[in-house]
Structures are given as C-alpha cells and as structure tokens.
PDB file of all heavy atoms in Angstrom:
ATOM      1  N   GLU A   1      -5.473 -14.664 -12.012  1.00  0.00           N
ATOM      2  CA  GLU A   1      -4.187 -14.026 -12.265  1.00  0.00           C
ATOM      3  C   GLU A   1      -4.277 -12.502 -12.162  1.00  0.00           C
ATOM      4  O   GLU A   1      -5.367 -11.934 -12.177  1.00  0.00           O
ATOM      5  CB  GLU A   1      -3.685 -14.400 -13.666  1.00  0.00           C
ATOM      6  CG  GLU A   1      -3.436 -15.878 -13.896  1.00  0.00           C
ATOM      7  CD  GLU A   1      -2.321 -16.363 -13.056  1.00  0.00           C
ATOM      8  OE1 GLU A   1      -1.243 -15.736 -12.979  1.00  0.00           O
ATOM      9  OE2 GLU A   1      -2.496 -17.469 -12.437  1.00  0.00           O
ATOM     10  N   ARG A   2      -3.134 -11.864 -11.977  1.00  0.00           N
ATOM     11  CA  ARG A   2      -3.076 -10.416 -11.930  1.00  0.00           C
ATOM     12  C   ARG A   2      -3.162  -9.883 -13.329  1.00  0.00           C
ATOM     13  O   ARG A   2      -2.348 -10.205 -14.224  1.00  0.00           O
ATOM     14  CB  ARG A   2      -1.771  -9.958 -11.275  1.00  0.00           C
ATOM     15  CG  ARG A   2      -1.704  -8.488 -11.065  1.00  0.00           C
ATOM     16  CD  ARG A   2      -0.472  -8.058 -10.276  1.00  0.00           C
ATOM     17  NE  ARG A   2      -0.417  -8.670  -8.951  1.00  0.00           N
ATOM     18  CZ  ARG A   2       0.477  -8.348  -8.026  1.00  0.00           C
ATOM     19  NH1 ARG A   2       1.443  -7.447  -8.320  1.00  0.00           N
ATOM     20  NH2 ARG A   2       0.417  -8.941  -6.841  1.00  0.00           N
ATOM     21  N   ASP A   3      -4.189  -9.093 -13.581  1.00  0.00           N
ATOM     22  CA  ASP A   3      -4.508  -8.612 -14.943  1.00  0.00           C
ATOM     23  C   ASP A   3      -4.367  -7.115 -15.064  1.00  0.00           C
ATOM     24  O   ASP A   3      -4.599  -6.355 -14.105  1.00  0.00           O
ATOM     25  CB  ASP A   3      -5.945  -8.971 -15.358  1.00  0.00           C
ATOM     26  CG  ASP A   3      -6.140 -10.502 -15.537  1.00  0.00           C
ATOM     27  OD1 ASP A   3      -5.175 -11.153 -15.937  1.00  0.00           O
ATOM     28  OD2 ASP A   3      -7.260 -10.985 -15.272  1.00  0.00           O
ATOM     29  N   PHE A   4      -3.979  -6.690 -16.255  1.00  0.00           N
ATOM     30  CA  PHE A   4      -3.866  -5.301 -16.597  1.00  0.00           C
ATOM     31  C   PHE A   4      -5.249  -4.629 -16.550  1.00  0.00           C
ATOM     32  O   PHE A   4      -6.218  -5.159 -17.041  1.00  0.00           O
ATOM     33  CB  PHE A   4      -3.250  -5.125 -17.959  1.00  0.00           C
ATOM     34  CG  PHE A   4      -3.205  -3.726 -18.463  1.00  0.00           C
ATOM     35  CD1 PHE A   4      -2.215  -2.839 -18.056  1.00  0.00           C
ATOM     36  CD2 PHE A   4      -4.129  -3.315 -19.399  1.00  0.00           C
ATOM     37  CE1 PHE A   4      -2.190  -1.542 -18.528  1.00  0.00           C
ATOM     38  CE2 PHE A   4      -4.097  -2.045 -19.886  1.00  0.00           C
ATOM     39  CZ  PHE A   4      -3.120  -1.149 -19.493  1.00  0.00           C
ATOM     40  N   VAL A   5      -5.328  -3.417 -16.036  1.00  0.00           N
ATOM     41  CA  VAL A   5      -6.538  -2.654 -15.998  1.00  0.00           C
ATOM     42  C   VAL A   5      -6.373  -1.390 -16.851  1.00  0.00           C
ATOM     43  O   VAL A   5      -7.257  -1.131 -17.734  1.00  0.00           O
ATOM     44  CB  VAL A   5      -6.935  -2.245 -14.532  1.00  0.00           C
ATOM     45  CG1 VAL A   5      -8.144  -1.361 -14.552  1.00  0.00           C
ATOM     46  CG2 VAL A   5      -7.138  -3.496 -13.701  1.00  0.00           C
ATOM     47  N   ALA A   6      -5.384  -0.604 -16.597  1.00  0.00           N
ATOM     48  CA  ALA A   6      -5.194   0.691 -17.298  1.00  0.00           C
ATOM     49  C   ALA A   6      -3.777   1.136 -17.208  1.00  0.00           C
ATOM     50  O   ALA A   6      -3.079   0.789 -16.233  1.00  0.00           O
ATOM     51  CB  ALA A   6      -6.163   1.752 -16.747  1.00  0.00           C
ATOM     52  N   GLY A   7      -3.337   1.925 -18.136  1.00  0.00           N
ATOM     53  CA  GLY A   7      -1.995   2.444 -18.099  1.00  0.00           C
ATOM     54  C   GLY A   7      -1.922   3.852 -18.724  1.00  0.00           C
ATOM     55  O   GLY A   7      -2.838   4.244 -19.463  1.00  0.00           O
ATOM     56  N   ILE A   8      -0.893   4.563 -18.355  1.00  0.00           N
ATOM     57  CA  ILE A   8      -0.751   5.962 -18.783  1.00  0.00           C
ATOM     58  C   ILE A   8       0.749   6.258 -18.911  1.00  0.00           C
ATOM     59  O   ILE A   8       1.580   5.810 -18.148  1.00  0.00           O
ATOM     60  CB  ILE A   8      -1.417   6.941 -17.779  1.00  0.00           C
ATOM     61  CG1 ILE A   8      -1.436   8.348 -18.348  1.00  0.00           C
ATOM     62  CG2 ILE A   8      -0.742   6.905 -16.414  1.00  0.00           C
ATOM     63  CD1 ILE A   8      -2.377   9.285 -17.533  1.00  0.00           C
ATOM     64  N   ASN A   9       1.110   6.995 -20.007  1.00  0.00           N
ATOM     65  CA  ASN A   9       2.498   7.272 -20.274  1.00  0.00           C
ATOM     66  C   ASN A   9       2.940   8.421 -19.379  1.00  0.00           C
ATOM     67  O   ASN A   9       2.195   8.988 -18.576  1.00  0.00           O
ATOM     68  CB  ASN A   9       2.764   7.535 -21.716  1.00  0.00           C
ATOM     69  CG  ASN A   9       2.201   8.861 -22.242  1.00  0.00           C
ATOM     70  OD1 ASN A   9       1.321   9.419 -21.607  1.00  0.00           O
ATOM     71  ND2 ASN A   9       2.695   9.392 -23.349  1.00  0.00           N
ATOM     72  N   ARG A  10       4.181   8.810 -19.528  1.00  0.00           N
ATOM     73  CA  ARG A  10       4.811   9.766 -18.584  1.00  0.00           C
ATOM     74  C   ARG A  10       4.162  11.110 -18.593  1.00  0.00           C
ATOM     75  O   ARG A  10       3.947  11.720 -17.505  1.00  0.00           O
ATOM     76  CB  ARG A  10       6.309   9.934 -18.901  1.00  0.00           C
ATOM     77  CG  ARG A  10       7.115   8.663 -18.680  1.00  0.00           C
ATOM     78  CD  ARG A  10       8.544   8.825 -19.145  1.00  0.00           C
ATOM     79  NE  ARG A  10       9.325   7.633 -18.986  1.00  0.00           N
ATOM     80  CZ  ARG A  10      10.526   7.408 -19.454  1.00  0.00           C
ATOM     81  NH1 ARG A  10      11.102   8.359 -20.160  1.00  0.00           N
ATOM     82  NH2 ARG A  10      11.135   6.257 -19.267  1.00  0.00           N
ATOM     83  N   SER A  11       3.777  11.635 -19.767  1.00  0.00           N
ATOM     84  CA  SER A  11       3.188  12.931 -19.840  1.00  0.00           C
ATOM     85  C   SER A  11       1.662  12.905 -19.648  1.00  0.00           C
ATOM     86  O   SER A  11       1.066  13.973 -19.397  1.00  0.00           O
ATOM     87  CB  SER A  11       3.480  13.590 -21.213  1.00  0.00           C
ATOM     88  OG  SER A  11       2.777  12.853 -22.212  1.00  0.00           O
ATOM     89  N   GLY A  12       1.082  11.715 -19.671  1.00  0.00           N
ATOM     90  CA  GLY A  12      -0.412  11.611 -19.604  1.00  0.00           C
ATOM     91  C   GLY A  12      -1.070  11.773 -20.948  1.00  0.00           C
ATOM     92  O   GLY A  12      -2.311  11.768 -20.980  1.00  0.00           O
ATOM     93  N   SER A  13      -0.315  11.899 -22.034  1.00  0.00           N
ATOM     94  CA  SER A  13      -0.898  12.048 -23.339  1.00  0.00           C
ATOM     95  C   SER A  13      -1.498  10.756 -23.957  1.00  0.00           C
ATOM     96  O   SER A  13      -2.224  10.862 -24.913  1.00  0.00           O
ATOM     97  CB  SER A  13       0.128  12.648 -24.289  1.00  0.00           C
ATOM     98  OG  SER A  13       1.189  11.796 -24.488  1.00  0.00           O
ATOM     99  N   SER A  14      -1.064   9.628 -23.425  1.00  0.00           N
ATOM    100  CA  SER A  14      -1.527   8.354 -23.960  1.00  0.00           C
ATOM    101  C   SER A  14      -1.994   7.463 -22.847  1.00  0.00           C
ATOM    102  O   SER A  14      -1.345   7.320 -21.796  1.00  0.00           O
ATOM    103  CB  SER A  14      -0.375   7.666 -24.713  1.00  0.00           C
ATOM    104  OG  SER A  14      -0.743   6.432 -25.218  1.00  0.00           O
ATOM    105  N   THR A  15      -3.165   6.837 -23.037  1.00  0.00           N
ATOM    106  CA  THR A  15      -3.722   5.890 -22.084  1.00  0.00           C
ATOM    107  C   THR A  15      -4.150   4.629 -22.771  1.00  0.00           C
ATOM    108  O   THR A  15      -4.365   4.602 -23.999  1.00  0.00           O
ATOM    109  CB  THR A  15      -4.952   6.496 -21.331  1.00  0.00           C
ATOM    110  OG1 THR A  15      -5.927   6.878 -22.270  1.00  0.00           O
ATOM    111  CG2 THR A  15      -4.521   7.776 -20.553  1.00  0.00           C
ATOM    112  N   ARG A  16      -4.293   3.573 -22.000  1.00  0.00           N
ATOM    113  CA  ARG A  16      -4.640   2.258 -22.518  1.00  0.00           C
ATOM    114  C   ARG A  16      -5.506   1.574 -21.468  1.00  0.00           C
ATOM    115  O   ARG A  16      -5.216   1.659 -20.256  1.00  0.00           O
ATOM    116  CB  ARG A  16      -3.446   1.451 -22.894  1.00  0.00           C
ATOM    117  CG  ARG A  16      -3.786   0.126 -23.605  1.00  0.00           C
ATOM    118  CD  ARG A  16      -2.493  -0.502 -24.085  1.00  0.00           C
ATOM    119  NE  ARG A  16      -2.738  -1.753 -24.812  1.00  0.00           N
ATOM    120  CZ  ARG A  16      -1.796  -2.492 -25.368  1.00  0.00           C
ATOM    121  NH1 ARG A  16      -0.529  -2.142 -25.277  1.00  0.00           N
ATOM    122  NH2 ARG A  16      -2.120  -3.596 -25.992  1.00  0.00           N
ATOM    123  N   TYR A  17      -6.556   0.888 -21.872  1.00  0.00           N
ATOM    124  CA  TYR A  17      -7.479   0.228 -20.963  1.00  0.00           C
ATOM    125  C   TYR A  17      -7.742  -1.192 -21.359  1.00  0.00           C
ATOM    126  O   TYR A  17      -7.778  -1.531 -22.581  1.00  0.00           O
ATOM    127  CB  TYR A  17      -8.828   0.972 -20.943  1.00  0.00           C
ATOM    128  CG  TYR A  17      -8.714   2.384 -20.416  1.00  0.00           C
ATOM    129  CD1 TYR A  17      -8.532   3.432 -21.288  1.00  0.00           C
ATOM    130  CD2 TYR A  17      -8.791   2.655 -19.020  1.00  0.00           C
ATOM    131  CE1 TYR A  17      -8.436   4.740 -20.808  1.00  0.00           C
ATOM    132  CE2 TYR A  17      -8.735   3.923 -18.569  1.00  0.00           C
ATOM    133  CZ  TYR A  17      -8.536   4.964 -19.487  1.00  0.00           C
ATOM    134  OH  TYR A  17      -8.447   6.263 -18.991  1.00  0.00           O
ATOM    135  N   ALA A  18      -7.963  -2.032 -20.405  1.00  0.00           N
ATOM    136  CA  ALA A  18      -8.514  -3.373 -20.664  1.00  0.00           C
ATOM    137  C   ALA A  18      -9.900  -3.285 -21.208  1.00  0.00           C
ATOM    138  O   ALA A  18     -10.639  -2.344 -20.817  1.00  0.00           O
ATOM    139  CB  ALA A  18      -8.453  -4.217 -19.399  1.00  0.00           C
ATOM    140  N   ASP A  19     -10.265  -4.194 -22.092  1.00  0.00           N
ATOM    141  CA  ASP A  19     -11.625  -4.131 -22.642  1.00  0.00           C
ATOM    142  C   ASP A  19     -12.694  -4.205 -21.593  1.00  0.00           C
ATOM    143  O   ASP A  19     -13.797  -3.603 -21.703  1.00  0.00           O
ATOM    144  CB  ASP A  19     -11.799  -5.259 -23.651  1.00  0.00           C
ATOM    145  CG  ASP A  19     -11.053  -5.100 -24.957  1.00  0.00           C
ATOM    146  OD1 ASP A  19     -10.612  -3.963 -25.224  1.00  0.00           O
ATOM    147  OD2 ASP A  19     -10.840  -6.085 -25.654  1.00  0.00           O
ATOM    148  N   SER A  20     -12.423  -4.919 -20.508  1.00  0.00           N
ATOM    149  CA  SER A  20     -13.435  -5.060 -19.451  1.00  0.00           C
ATOM    150  C   SER A  20     -13.765  -3.825 -18.714  1.00  0.00           C
ATOM    151  O   SER A  20     -14.804  -3.763 -18.057  1.00  0.00           O
ATOM    152  CB  SER A  20     -12.954  -6.185 -18.482  1.00  0.00           C
ATOM    153  OG  SER A  20     -11.727  -5.807 -17.887  1.00  0.00           O
ATOM    154  N   VAL A  21     -12.892  -2.818 -18.766  1.00  0.00           N
ATOM    155  CA  VAL A  21     -13.157  -1.575 -18.022  1.00  0.00           C
ATOM    156  C   VAL A  21     -13.306  -0.355 -18.890  1.00  0.00           C
ATOM    157  O   VAL A  21     -13.638   0.737 -18.440  1.00  0.00           O
ATOM    158  CB  VAL A  21     -12.059  -1.326 -16.968  1.00  0.00           C
ATOM    159  CG1 VAL A  21     -11.829  -2.519 -16.109  1.00  0.00           C
ATOM    160  CG2 VAL A  21     -10.739  -0.923 -17.672  1.00  0.00           C
ATOM    161  N   LYS A  22     -13.079  -0.543 -20.180  1.00  0.00           N
ATOM    162  CA  LYS A  22     -13.134   0.582 -21.105  1.00  0.00           C
ATOM    163  C   LYS A  22     -14.491   1.274 -21.083  1.00  0.00           C
ATOM    164  O   LYS A  22     -15.500   0.573 -21.144  1.00  0.00           O
ATOM    165  CB  LYS A  22     -12.783   0.173 -22.513  1.00  0.00           C
ATOM    166  CG  LYS A  22     -12.541   1.295 -23.520  1.00  0.00           C
ATOM    167  CD  LYS A  22     -12.009   0.734 -24.826  1.00  0.00           C
ATOM    168  CE  LYS A  22     -10.680   0.061 -24.681  1.00  0.00           C
ATOM    169  NZ  LYS A  22     -10.137  -0.419 -25.999  1.00  0.00           N
ATOM    170  N   GLY A  23     -14.503   2.588 -20.947  1.00  0.00           N
ATOM    171  CA  GLY A  23     -15.750   3.326 -20.888  1.00  0.00           C
ATOM    172  C   GLY A  23     -16.272   3.518 -19.475  1.00  0.00           C
ATOM    173  O   GLY A  23     -17.159   4.309 -19.258  1.00  0.00           O
ATOM    174  N   ARG A  24     -15.712   2.772 -18.535  1.00  0.00           N
ATOM    175  CA  ARG A  24     -16.112   2.874 -17.119  1.00  0.00           C
ATOM    176  C   ARG A  24     -15.027   3.434 -16.228  1.00  0.00           C
ATOM    177  O   ARG A  24     -15.319   4.156 -15.284  1.00  0.00           O
ATOM    178  CB  ARG A  24     -16.539   1.530 -16.571  1.00  0.00           C
ATOM    179  CG  ARG A  24     -17.711   0.882 -17.319  1.00  0.00           C
ATOM    180  CD  ARG A  24     -18.207  -0.376 -16.616  1.00  0.00           C
ATOM    181  NE  ARG A  24     -17.180  -1.417 -16.565  1.00  0.00           N
ATOM    182  CZ  ARG A  24     -16.667  -1.954 -15.479  1.00  0.00           C
ATOM    183  NH1 ARG A  24     -17.113  -1.571 -14.277  1.00  0.00           N
ATOM    184  NH2 ARG A  24     -15.751  -2.919 -15.539  1.00  0.00           N
ATOM    185  N   PHE A  25     -13.764   3.100 -16.532  1.00  0.00           N
ATOM    186  CA  PHE A  25     -12.651   3.527 -15.743  1.00  0.00           C
ATOM    187  C   PHE A  25     -11.845   4.618 -16.485  1.00  0.00           C
ATOM    188  O   PHE A  25     -11.755   4.592 -17.723  1.00  0.00           O
ATOM    189  CB  PHE A  25     -11.718   2.360 -15.398  1.00  0.00           C
ATOM    190  CG  PHE A  25     -12.246   1.298 -14.486  1.00  0.00           C
ATOM    191  CD1 PHE A  25     -13.576   1.301 -14.106  1.00  0.00           C
ATOM    192  CD2 PHE A  25     -11.408   0.339 -13.992  1.00  0.00           C
ATOM    193  CE1 PHE A  25     -14.078   0.314 -13.237  1.00  0.00           C
ATOM    194  CE2 PHE A  25     -11.877  -0.634 -13.133  1.00  0.00           C
ATOM    195  CZ  PHE A  25     -13.206  -0.667 -12.762  1.00  0.00           C
ATOM    196  N   THR A  26     -11.255   5.518 -15.707  1.00  0.00           N
ATOM    197  CA  THR A  26     -10.411   6.518 -16.285  1.00  0.00           C
ATOM    198  C   THR A  26      -9.107   6.645 -15.461  1.00  0.00           C
ATOM    199  O   THR A  26      -9.178   6.832 -14.281  1.00  0.00           O
ATOM    200  CB  THR A  26     -11.103   7.908 -16.315  1.00  0.00           C
ATOM    201  OG1 THR A  26     -12.319   7.833 -17.067  1.00  0.00           O
ATOM    202  CG2 THR A  26     -10.164   8.938 -16.978  1.00  0.00           C
ATOM    203  N   ILE A  27      -7.968   6.488 -16.177  1.00  0.00           N
ATOM    204  CA  ILE A  27      -6.664   6.719 -15.509  1.00  0.00           C
ATOM    205  C   ILE A  27      -6.228   8.126 -15.777  1.00  0.00           C
ATOM    206  O   ILE A  27      -6.399   8.645 -16.883  1.00  0.00           O
ATOM    207  CB  ILE A  27      -5.642   5.636 -15.954  1.00  0.00           C
ATOM    208  CG1 ILE A  27      -4.376   5.731 -15.114  1.00  0.00           C
ATOM    209  CG2 ILE A  27      -5.377   5.771 -17.451  1.00  0.00           C
ATOM    210  CD1 ILE A  27      -3.439   4.588 -15.371  1.00  0.00           C
ATOM    211  N   SER A  28      -5.615   8.760 -14.771  1.00  0.00           N
ATOM    212  CA  SER A  28      -5.075  10.066 -14.956  1.00  0.00           C
ATOM    213  C   SER A  28      -3.881  10.256 -14.059  1.00  0.00           C
ATOM    214  O   SER A  28      -3.626   9.368 -13.160  1.00  0.00           O
ATOM    215  CB  SER A  28      -6.154  11.163 -14.662  1.00  0.00           C
ATOM    216  OG  SER A  28      -6.586  11.083 -13.328  1.00  0.00           O
ATOM    217  N   ARG A  29      -3.130  11.347 -14.212  1.00  0.00           N
ATOM    218  CA  ARG A  29      -2.028  11.573 -13.335  1.00  0.00           C
ATOM    219  C   ARG A  29      -1.778  13.038 -13.092  1.00  0.00           C
ATOM    220  O   ARG A  29      -2.210  13.878 -13.906  1.00  0.00           O
ATOM    221  CB  ARG A  29      -0.746  10.918 -13.945  1.00  0.00           C
ATOM    222  CG  ARG A  29      -0.249  11.537 -15.231  1.00  0.00           C
ATOM    223  CD  ARG A  29       0.876  10.658 -15.868  1.00  0.00           C
ATOM    224  NE  ARG A  29       1.973  10.490 -14.946  1.00  0.00           N
ATOM    225  CZ  ARG A  29       2.835   9.461 -15.037  1.00  0.00           C
ATOM    226  NH1 ARG A  29       2.719   8.579 -16.024  1.00  0.00           N
ATOM    227  NH2 ARG A  29       3.838   9.414 -14.163  1.00  0.00           N
ATOM    228  N   ASP A  30      -1.160  13.362 -11.973  1.00  0.00           N
ATOM    229  CA  ASP A  30      -0.753  14.672 -11.662  1.00  0.00           C
ATOM    230  C   ASP A  30       0.724  14.601 -11.296  1.00  0.00           C
ATOM    231  O   ASP A  30       1.071  14.206 -10.211  1.00  0.00           O
ATOM    232  CB  ASP A  30      -1.552  15.221 -10.494  1.00  0.00           C
ATOM    233  CG  ASP A  30      -1.283  16.699 -10.171  1.00  0.00           C
ATOM    234  OD1 ASP A  30      -0.200  17.218 -10.583  1.00  0.00           O
ATOM    235  OD2 ASP A  30      -2.101  17.309  -9.547  1.00  0.00           O
ATOM    236  N   ASN A  31       1.561  14.950 -12.240  1.00  0.00           N
ATOM    237  CA  ASN A  31       3.005  14.802 -12.051  1.00  0.00           C
ATOM    238  C   ASN A  31       3.547  15.698 -10.990  1.00  0.00           C
ATOM    239  O   ASN A  31       4.545  15.382 -10.349  1.00  0.00           O
ATOM    240  CB  ASN A  31       3.758  14.966 -13.345  1.00  0.00           C
ATOM    241  CG  ASN A  31       3.572  13.809 -14.327  1.00  0.00           C
ATOM    242  OD1 ASN A  31       3.157  12.695 -13.895  1.00  0.00           O
ATOM    243  ND2 ASN A  31       3.833  14.032 -15.595  1.00  0.00           N
ATOM    244  N   ALA A  32       2.932  16.847 -10.813  1.00  0.00           N
ATOM    245  CA  ALA A  32       3.408  17.754  -9.744  1.00  0.00           C
ATOM    246  C   ALA A  32       3.181  17.134  -8.362  1.00  0.00           C
ATOM    247  O   ALA A  32       3.884  17.471  -7.448  1.00  0.00           O
ATOM    248  CB  ALA A  32       2.617  19.088  -9.870  1.00  0.00           C
ATOM    249  N   LYS A  33       2.212  16.258  -8.268  1.00  0.00           N
ATOM    250  CA  LYS A  33       1.942  15.558  -6.973  1.00  0.00           C
ATOM    251  C   LYS A  33       2.501  14.100  -6.978  1.00  0.00           C
ATOM    252  O   LYS A  33       2.299  13.430  -5.987  1.00  0.00           O
ATOM    253  CB  LYS A  33       0.432  15.512  -6.723  1.00  0.00           C
ATOM    254  CG  LYS A  33      -0.226  16.847  -6.528  1.00  0.00           C
ATOM    255  CD  LYS A  33      -1.683  16.753  -6.273  1.00  0.00           C
ATOM    256  CE  LYS A  33      -2.334  18.087  -6.053  1.00  0.00           C
ATOM    257  NZ  LYS A  33      -3.800  17.956  -5.792  1.00  0.00           N
ATOM    258  N   ASN A  34       3.161  13.740  -8.043  1.00  0.00           N
ATOM    259  CA  ASN A  34       3.686  12.361  -8.143  1.00  0.00           C
ATOM    260  C   ASN A  34       2.614  11.298  -7.856  1.00  0.00           C
ATOM    261  O   ASN A  34       2.862  10.329  -7.131  1.00  0.00           O
ATOM    262  CB  ASN A  34       4.872  12.170  -7.184  1.00  0.00           C
ATOM    263  CG  ASN A  34       6.070  13.033  -7.590  1.00  0.00           C
ATOM    264  OD1 ASN A  34       6.375  13.157  -8.784  1.00  0.00           O
ATOM    265  ND2 ASN A  34       6.735  13.594  -6.599  1.00  0.00           N
ATOM    266  N   THR A  35       1.480  11.523  -8.434  1.00  0.00           N
ATOM    267  CA  THR A  35       0.320  10.681  -8.117  1.00  0.00           C
ATOM    268  C   THR A  35      -0.386  10.282  -9.425  1.00  0.00           C
ATOM    269  O   THR A  35      -0.576  11.099 -10.336  1.00  0.00           O
ATOM    270  CB  THR A  35      -0.661  11.400  -7.163  1.00  0.00           C
ATOM    271  OG1 THR A  35      -0.014  11.759  -5.971  1.00  0.00           O
ATOM    272  CG2 THR A  35      -1.816  10.504  -6.858  1.00  0.00           C
ATOM    273  N   VAL A  36      -0.849   9.020  -9.463  1.00  0.00           N
ATOM    274  CA  VAL A  36      -1.652   8.537 -10.534  1.00  0.00           C
ATOM    275  C   VAL A  36      -3.006   8.115  -9.954  1.00  0.00           C
ATOM    276  O   VAL A  36      -3.057   7.626  -8.782  1.00  0.00           O
ATOM    277  CB  VAL A  36      -1.005   7.359 -11.282  1.00  0.00           C
ATOM    278  CG1 VAL A  36      -0.761   6.185 -10.424  1.00  0.00           C
ATOM    279  CG2 VAL A  36      -1.812   7.025 -12.564  1.00  0.00           C
ATOM    280  N   TYR A  37      -4.125   8.278 -10.686  1.00  0.00           N
ATOM    281  CA  TYR A  37      -5.449   8.018 -10.199  1.00  0.00           C
ATOM    282  C   TYR A  37      -6.145   7.015 -11.096  1.00  0.00           C
ATOM    283  O   TYR A  37      -5.884   6.898 -12.289  1.00  0.00           O
ATOM    284  CB  TYR A  37      -6.274   9.270 -10.144  1.00  0.00           C
ATOM    285  CG  TYR A  37      -5.625  10.420  -9.358  1.00  0.00           C
ATOM    286  CD1 TYR A  37      -4.830  11.338  -9.996  1.00  0.00           C
ATOM    287  CD2 TYR A  37      -5.817  10.535  -8.013  1.00  0.00           C
ATOM    288  CE1 TYR A  37      -4.243  12.406  -9.330  1.00  0.00           C
ATOM    289  CE2 TYR A  37      -5.232  11.579  -7.287  1.00  0.00           C
ATOM    290  CZ  TYR A  37      -4.453  12.511  -7.956  1.00  0.00           C
ATOM    291  OH  TYR A  37      -3.862  13.535  -7.254  1.00  0.00           O
ATOM    292  N   LEU A  38      -7.073   6.295 -10.530  1.00  0.00           N
ATOM    293  CA  LEU A  38      -7.983   5.457 -11.281  1.00  0.00           C
ATOM    294  C   LEU A  38      -9.391   5.730 -10.841  1.00  0.00           C
ATOM    295  O   LEU A  38      -9.774   5.344  -9.712  1.00  0.00           O
ATOM    296  CB  LEU A  38      -7.668   3.984 -11.122  1.00  0.00           C
ATOM    297  CG  LEU A  38      -8.458   3.002 -12.015  1.00  0.00           C
ATOM    298  CD1 LEU A  38      -8.098   3.199 -13.490  1.00  0.00           C
ATOM    299  CD2 LEU A  38      -8.221   1.559 -11.577  1.00  0.00           C
ATOM    300  N   GLN A  39     -10.150   6.413 -11.660  1.00  0.00           N
ATOM    301  CA  GLN A  39     -11.543   6.663 -11.348  1.00  0.00           C
ATOM    302  C   GLN A  39     -12.373   5.522 -11.925  1.00  0.00           C
ATOM    303  O   GLN A  39     -12.350   5.222 -13.121  1.00  0.00           O
ATOM    304  CB  GLN A  39     -11.978   8.012 -12.001  1.00  0.00           C
ATOM    305  CG  GLN A  39     -13.465   8.323 -11.820  1.00  0.00           C
ATOM    306  CD  GLN A  39     -13.826   8.605 -10.383  1.00  0.00           C
ATOM    307  OE1 GLN A  39     -13.152   9.320  -9.679  1.00  0.00           O
ATOM    308  NE2 GLN A  39     -14.891   7.969  -9.913  1.00  0.00           N
ATOM    309  N   MET A  40     -13.103   4.890 -11.043  1.00  0.00           N
ATOM    310  CA  MET A  40     -13.907   3.708 -11.444  1.00  0.00           C
ATOM    311  C   MET A  40     -15.395   4.036 -11.297  1.00  0.00           C
ATOM    312  O   MET A  40     -15.851   4.315 -10.188  1.00  0.00           O
ATOM    313  CB  MET A  40     -13.518   2.504 -10.555  1.00  0.00           C
ATOM    314  CG  MET A  40     -12.051   2.159 -10.668  1.00  0.00           C
ATOM    315  SD  MET A  40     -11.573   0.758  -9.614  1.00  0.00           S
ATOM    316  CE  MET A  40     -11.607   1.566  -8.014  1.00  0.00           C
ATOM    317  N   ASN A  41     -16.098   3.995 -12.390  1.00  0.00           N
ATOM    318  CA  ASN A  41     -17.546   4.283 -12.422  1.00  0.00           C
ATOM    319  C   ASN A  41     -18.292   2.991 -12.854  1.00  0.00           C
ATOM    320  O   ASN A  41     -17.731   2.081 -13.426  1.00  0.00           O
ATOM    321  CB  ASN A  41     -17.858   5.427 -13.367  1.00  0.00           C
ATOM    322  CG  ASN A  41     -17.193   6.703 -12.952  1.00  0.00           C
ATOM    323  OD1 ASN A  41     -17.064   7.014 -11.788  1.00  0.00           O
ATOM    324  ND2 ASN A  41     -16.806   7.490 -13.942  1.00  0.00           N
ATOM    325  N   SER A  42     -19.608   3.028 -12.575  1.00  0.00           N
ATOM    326  CA  SER A  42     -20.440   1.896 -12.968  1.00  0.00           C
ATOM    327  C   SER A  42     -19.843   0.553 -12.557  1.00  0.00           C
ATOM    328  O   SER A  42     -19.753  -0.382 -13.322  1.00  0.00           O
ATOM    329  CB  SER A  42     -20.698   1.936 -14.498  1.00  0.00           C
ATOM    330  OG  SER A  42     -21.293   3.124 -14.925  1.00  0.00           O
ATOM    331  N   LEU A  43     -19.479   0.517 -11.335  1.00  0.00           N
ATOM    332  CA  LEU A  43     -18.750  -0.693 -10.837  1.00  0.00           C
ATOM    333  C   LEU A  43     -19.622  -1.916 -10.821  1.00  0.00           C
ATOM    334  O   LEU A  43     -20.850  -1.824 -10.549  1.00  0.00           O
ATOM    335  CB  LEU A  43     -18.198  -0.437  -9.426  1.00  0.00           C
ATOM    336  CG  LEU A  43     -16.929   0.433  -9.438  1.00  0.00           C
ATOM    337  CD1 LEU A  43     -16.683   1.020  -8.066  1.00  0.00           C
ATOM    338  CD2 LEU A  43     -15.726  -0.405  -9.873  1.00  0.00           C
ATOM    339  N   LYS A  44     -19.031  -3.060 -11.080  1.00  0.00           N
ATOM    340  CA  LYS A  44     -19.696  -4.347 -11.112  1.00  0.00           C
ATOM    341  C   LYS A  44     -19.102  -5.266 -10.085  1.00  0.00           C
ATOM    342  O   LYS A  44     -17.918  -5.079  -9.734  1.00  0.00           O
ATOM    343  CB  LYS A  44     -19.596  -4.930 -12.541  1.00  0.00           C
ATOM    344  CG  LYS A  44     -20.048  -4.081 -13.658  1.00  0.00           C
ATOM    345  CD  LYS A  44     -19.724  -4.710 -14.994  1.00  0.00           C
ATOM    346  CE  LYS A  44     -20.181  -3.869 -16.165  1.00  0.00           C
ATOM    347  NZ  LYS A  44     -19.834  -4.465 -17.479  1.00  0.00           N
ATOM    348  N   PRO A  45     -19.832  -6.260  -9.632  1.00  0.00           N
ATOM    349  CA  PRO A  45     -19.229  -7.207  -8.678  1.00  0.00           C
ATOM    350  C   PRO A  45     -17.962  -7.859  -9.205  1.00  0.00           C
ATOM    351  O   PRO A  45     -17.041  -8.133  -8.393  1.00  0.00           O
ATOM    352  CB  PRO A  45     -20.337  -8.238  -8.488  1.00  0.00           C
ATOM    353  CG  PRO A  45     -21.600  -7.439  -8.681  1.00  0.00           C
ATOM    354  CD  PRO A  45     -21.274  -6.495  -9.794  1.00  0.00           C
ATOM    355  N   GLU A  46     -17.885  -8.059 -10.503  1.00  0.00           N
ATOM    356  CA  GLU A  46     -16.677  -8.690 -11.075  1.00  0.00           C
ATOM    357  C   GLU A  46     -15.454  -7.747 -11.053  1.00  0.00           C
ATOM    358  O   GLU A  46     -14.356  -8.200 -11.392  1.00  0.00           O
ATOM    359  CB  GLU A  46     -16.899  -9.169 -12.485  1.00  0.00           C
ATOM    360  CG  GLU A  46     -17.542  -8.128 -13.417  1.00  0.00           C
ATOM    361  CD  GLU A  46     -19.062  -8.277 -13.520  1.00  0.00           C
ATOM    362  OE1 GLU A  46     -19.719  -8.511 -12.492  1.00  0.00           O
ATOM    363  OE2 GLU A  46     -19.596  -8.237 -14.650  1.00  0.00           O
TER     364      GLU A  46
END
C-alpha cells in the first residue's frame, strides 16, 4: 500500500515522520521556491 513517510506544515515549523524513517529522513521546505524536499540518509533496501 501507499504509506506515509513524512509531512510538514505550511510554515515548516512542524514535521512528522513515519517510525520506519525517523532519524534517517528529513523533510524541509522553501516556500520562496514553492518546493519541498526529502533528504534520505542511511538508506536501506526496504
């Protein structure tokens, strides 16, 4: 199934992560560029 990974509110002041990626992934945004990012570290085959 399609599963939640990470989320971020409008200002970027609040984030939320799935337990499976917490500590490895970081969500961020640049509202001036209308862009959201997901930095993924320590990647696993899963």
